[in-house]
């Protein structure tokens, strides 16, 4: 079984099955200690993923797929020496 398959399965268990993640879920997935730290990063333009509001709902949200893609990109191991 490949490492990528194991990693993807781990992400499936870690991320919610819903299409949107709330700020607390996003903060946890991205490694922020608090929602406030996530909010400060969002306001400063330092988040690698977009966050948005949803009409009729309070708070900020992020796409689960965008977070998944960011995690997959971030967790990739660098190629070994001599490998492309």
Protein backbone atom coordinates (compact mmCIF):
# COMPACT_ATOMS: atom_id res chain seq x y z
CA UNK A 1 0.00 0.00 0.00
CA UNK A 2 1.48 3.38 -0.94
CA UNK A 3 2.21 6.20 1.52
CA UNK A 4 -0.02 8.54 -0.51
CA UNK A 5 -2.97 6.14 -0.16
CA UNK A 6 -2.39 5.88 3.58
CA UNK A 7 -2.10 9.67 3.83
CA UNK A 8 -5.32 10.18 1.83
CA UNK A 9 -7.17 7.67 4.02
CA UNK A 10 -5.90 9.50 7.09
CA UNK A 11 -7.13 12.80 5.68
CA UNK A 12 -10.54 11.28 4.99
CA UNK A 13 -10.78 10.28 8.64
CA UNK A 14 -9.46 13.64 9.84
CA UNK A 15 -11.57 15.98 7.68
CA UNK A 16 -15.34 16.26 7.88
CA UNK A 17 -17.44 14.72 5.14
CA UNK A 18 -19.32 18.00 4.69
CA UNK A 19 -18.45 20.32 1.78
CA UNK A 20 -17.83 23.25 4.15
CA UNK A 21 -15.81 23.55 7.32
CA UNK A 22 -16.51 26.05 10.09
CA UNK A 23 -13.80 28.30 11.51
CA UNK A 24 -13.13 25.99 14.50
CA UNK A 25 -12.82 22.98 12.17
CA UNK A 26 -10.59 24.94 9.79
CA UNK A 27 -8.37 26.16 12.63
CA UNK A 28 -7.91 22.60 13.90
CA UNK A 29 -7.18 21.18 10.43
CA UNK A 30 -4.64 23.91 9.65
CA UNK A 31 -2.86 23.68 12.99
CA UNK A 32 -3.91 26.98 14.55
CA UNK A 33 -4.08 26.89 18.33
CA UNK A 34 -7.24 29.02 18.44
CA UNK A 35 -9.98 30.31 16.17
CA UNK A 36 -8.75 33.79 17.05
CA UNK A 37 -5.32 32.98 15.58
CA UNK A 38 -7.02 31.75 12.38
CA UNK A 39 -9.09 34.93 12.25
CA UNK A 40 -6.01 37.13 12.66
CA UNK A 41 -4.23 35.25 9.86
CA UNK A 42 -7.31 35.62 7.64
CA UNK A 43 -7.51 39.37 8.31
CA UNK A 44 -3.78 39.76 7.57
CA UNK A 45 -4.12 37.84 4.29
CA UNK A 46 -1.80 35.04 5.45
CA UNK A 47 -4.09 32.06 4.81
CA UNK A 48 -3.22 29.78 1.88
CA UNK A 49 -6.92 29.01 1.35
CA UNK A 50 -9.89 31.32 0.84
CA UNK A 51 -12.52 31.71 3.55
CA UNK A 52 -15.97 33.11 2.96
CA UNK A 53 -19.30 33.87 4.61
CA UNK A 54 -22.54 32.08 3.80
CA UNK A 55 -25.81 34.03 3.66
CA UNK A 56 -28.03 33.16 6.59
CA UNK A 57 -25.16 31.61 8.59
CA UNK A 58 -22.87 33.18 11.16
CA UNK A 59 -19.11 33.03 10.90
CA UNK A 60 -16.56 32.17 8.24
CA UNK A 61 -16.26 28.95 6.29
CA UNK A 62 -13.74 27.16 4.10
CA UNK A 63 -14.12 24.51 1.44
CA UNK A 64 -13.21 21.06 2.73
CA UNK A 65 -11.71 20.22 -0.68
CA UNK A 66 -9.45 23.32 -0.60
CA UNK A 67 -8.24 22.37 2.88
CA UNK A 68 -7.68 18.78 1.73
CA UNK A 69 -5.64 20.00 -1.26
CA UNK A 70 -3.58 22.32 0.96
CA UNK A 71 -2.89 19.50 3.43
CA UNK A 72 -1.89 17.09 0.66
CA UNK A 73 0.48 19.68 -0.79
CA UNK A 74 1.88 20.62 2.62
CA UNK A 75 2.40 17.03 3.80
CA UNK A 76 4.27 15.87 0.69
CA UNK A 77 7.73 14.65 1.51
CA UNK A 78 10.61 16.14 -0.45
CA UNK A 79 12.09 13.78 -3.07
CA UNK A 80 15.03 11.70 -1.90
CA UNK A 81 18.52 12.67 -3.09
CA UNK A 82 19.11 11.56 -6.68
CA UNK A 83 15.37 11.23 -7.40
CA UNK A 84 13.50 13.66 -9.69
